[in-house]
Amino acid sequence: MRDRLRSKGVPVFGPLDHGTMKSIYFTGPDHLSLEISTWVYPVNPEAWIDPQVVKALNISDEELARFKAPAPYEGEKGS
């Protein structure tokens, strides 16, 4: 993502290694500071899902499955 942003002329700070994740920082089109981070170690998606929130938001099993395993990024021509 850093290289992709830089190829579009966006100045990027980082990546910075925070121990559990690595992050890059840049300014978005509305002059907001933005961060993209990635975990250094595998993340268990089940550990981040609160069943009470799923129930309260009426998230279906199909929708929850998409959140847990999103479609892979397909590059510049991806969706």
C-alpha atoms as a PDB file:
ATOM      1  CA  MET A   1       0.000   0.000   0.000  1.00  0.00           C
ATOM      2  CA  ARG A   2       2.900   2.349   0.736  1.00  0.00           C
ATOM      3  CA  ASP A   3       4.270   1.939  -2.773  1.00  0.00           C
ATOM      4  CA  ARG A   4       0.814   2.240  -4.309  1.00  0.00           C
ATOM      5  CA  LEU A   5       0.184   5.524  -2.484  1.00  0.00           C
ATOM      6  CA  ARG A   6       3.622   6.862  -3.363  1.00  0.00           C
ATOM      7  CA  SER A   7       3.074   5.962  -7.030  1.00  0.00           C
ATOM      8  CA  LYS A   8       0.051   8.311  -6.928  1.00  0.00           C
ATOM      9  CA  GLY A   9       2.208  11.145  -5.521  1.00  0.00           C
ATOM     10  CA  VAL A  10       1.013  10.804  -1.914  1.00  0.00           C
ATOM     11  CA  PRO A  11       3.771  11.328   0.684  1.00  0.00           C
ATOM     12  CA  VAL A  12       3.830   8.394   3.126  1.00  0.00           C
ATOM     13  CA  PHE A  13       5.513   8.179   6.542  1.00  0.00           C
ATOM     14  CA  GLY A  14       6.593   4.682   7.536  1.00  0.00           C
ATOM     15  CA  PRO A  15       6.265   1.838   7.833  1.00  0.00           C
ATOM     16  CA  LEU A  16       6.735   1.963  11.585  1.00  0.00           C
ATOM     17  CA  ASP A  17       7.060  -1.276  13.534  1.00  0.00           C
ATOM     18  CA  HIS A  18       4.911  -1.114  16.686  1.00  0.00           C
ATOM     19  CA  GLY A  19       5.763  -4.672  17.773  1.00  0.00           C
ATOM     20  CA  THR A  20       2.341  -6.212  17.151  1.00  0.00           C
ATOM     21  CA  MET A  21       1.640  -4.314  13.932  1.00  0.00           C
ATOM     22  CA  LYS A  22       3.273  -2.202  11.244  1.00  0.00           C
ATOM     23  CA  SER A  23       1.708   1.077  10.157  1.00  0.00           C
ATOM     24  CA  ILE A  24       2.040   3.721   7.478  1.00  0.00           C
ATOM     25  CA  TYR A  25       0.688   7.260   7.792  1.00  0.00           C
ATOM     26  CA  PHE A  26      -0.421   9.746   5.142  1.00  0.00           C
ATOM     27  CA  THR A  27      -2.788  12.646   4.566  1.00  0.00           C
ATOM     28  CA  GLY A  28      -6.073  11.922   2.820  1.00  0.00           C
ATOM     29  CA  PRO A  29      -7.848  14.066   0.229  1.00  0.00           C
ATOM     30  CA  ASP A  30      -9.692  16.042   2.937  1.00  0.00           C
ATOM     31  CA  HIS A  31      -6.416  16.707   4.791  1.00  0.00           C
ATOM     32  CA  LEU A  32      -7.195  14.116   7.465  1.00  0.00           C
ATOM     33  CA  SER A  33      -4.340  12.074   8.911  1.00  0.00           C
ATOM     34  CA  LEU A  34      -4.852   8.433   7.946  1.00  0.00           C
ATOM     35  CA  GLU A  35      -3.210   5.188   9.006  1.00  0.00           C
ATOM     36  CA  ILE A  36      -3.038   1.778   7.374  1.00  0.00           C
ATOM     37  CA  SER A  37      -1.798  -0.999   9.616  1.00  0.00           C
ATOM     38  CA  THR A  38      -1.196  -4.711   9.336  1.00  0.00           C
ATOM     39  CA  TRP A  39      -0.691  -7.253  12.075  1.00  0.00           C
ATOM     40  CA  VAL A  40       2.725  -8.861  12.414  1.00  0.00           C
ATOM     41  CA  TYR A  41       1.207 -12.091  13.773  1.00  0.00           C
ATOM     42  CA  PRO A  42      -1.880 -13.960  12.545  1.00  0.00           C
ATOM     43  CA  VAL A  43      -5.113 -12.611  14.017  1.00  0.00           C
ATOM     44  CA  ASN A  44      -7.866 -14.965  15.140  1.00  0.00           C
ATOM     45  CA  PRO A  45     -11.052 -13.339  13.777  1.00  0.00           C
ATOM     46  CA  GLU A  46     -13.155 -15.131  16.399  1.00  0.00           C
ATOM     47  CA  ALA A  47     -11.344 -13.215  19.153  1.00  0.00           C
ATOM     48  CA  TRP A  48     -12.596  -9.894  17.696  1.00  0.00           C
ATOM     49  CA  ILE A  49     -16.257 -10.777  17.262  1.00  0.00           C
ATOM     50  CA  ASP A  50     -18.652  -9.986  20.095  1.00  0.00           C
ATOM     51  CA  PRO A  51     -21.739 -12.228  19.828  1.00  0.00           C
ATOM     52  CA  GLN A  52     -23.863  -9.584  21.575  1.00  0.00           C
ATOM     53  CA  VAL A  53     -22.950  -7.007  18.921  1.00  0.00           C
ATOM     54  CA  VAL A  54     -23.704  -9.501  16.131  1.00  0.00           C
ATOM     55  CA  LYS A  55     -27.129 -10.123  17.673  1.00  0.00           C
ATOM     56  CA  ALA A  56     -27.857  -6.438  18.368  1.00  0.00           C
ATOM     57  CA  LEU A  57     -26.992  -5.475  14.770  1.00  0.00           C
ATOM     58  CA  ASN A  58     -28.894  -8.455  13.359  1.00  0.00           C
ATOM     59  CA  ILE A  59     -25.867  -9.591  11.333  1.00  0.00           C
ATOM     60  CA  SER A  60     -26.676 -12.737   9.372  1.00  0.00           C
ATOM     61  CA  ASP A  61     -24.422 -15.789   9.341  1.00  0.00           C
ATOM     62  CA  GLU A  62     -23.635 -15.087   5.659  1.00  0.00           C
ATOM     63  CA  GLU A  63     -22.663 -11.467   6.339  1.00  0.00           C
ATOM     64  CA  LEU A  64     -20.564 -12.505   9.337  1.00  0.00           C
ATOM     65  CA  ALA A  65     -18.724 -15.057   7.187  1.00  0.00           C
ATOM     66  CA  ARG A  66     -17.834 -12.261   4.712  1.00  0.00           C
ATOM     67  CA  PHE A  67     -16.471 -10.122   7.547  1.00  0.00           C
ATOM     68  CA  LYS A  68     -14.324 -13.008   8.778  1.00  0.00           C
ATOM     69  CA  ALA A  69     -12.940 -13.861   5.335  1.00  0.00           C
ATOM     70  CA  PRO A  70     -13.205 -10.862   2.982  1.00  0.00           C
ATOM     71  CA  ALA A  71     -12.507 -11.255  -0.714  1.00  0.00           C
ATOM     72  CA  PRO A  72      -8.805 -10.948  -1.517  1.00  0.00           C
ATOM     73  CA  TYR A  73      -7.482  -7.690  -2.911  1.00  0.00           C
ATOM     74  CA  GLU A  74      -7.021  -8.042  -6.668  1.00  0.00           C
ATOM     75  CA  GLY A  75      -4.632  -5.176  -7.347  1.00  0.00           C
ATOM     76  CA  GLU A  76      -5.129  -1.960  -9.288  1.00  0.00           C
ATOM     77  CA  LYS A  77      -7.902  -3.447 -11.415  1.00  0.00           C
ATOM     78  CA  GLY A  78      -9.670  -5.153  -8.463  1.00  0.00           C
ATOM     79  CA  SER A  79     -12.979  -4.188  -7.003  1.00  0.00           C
END
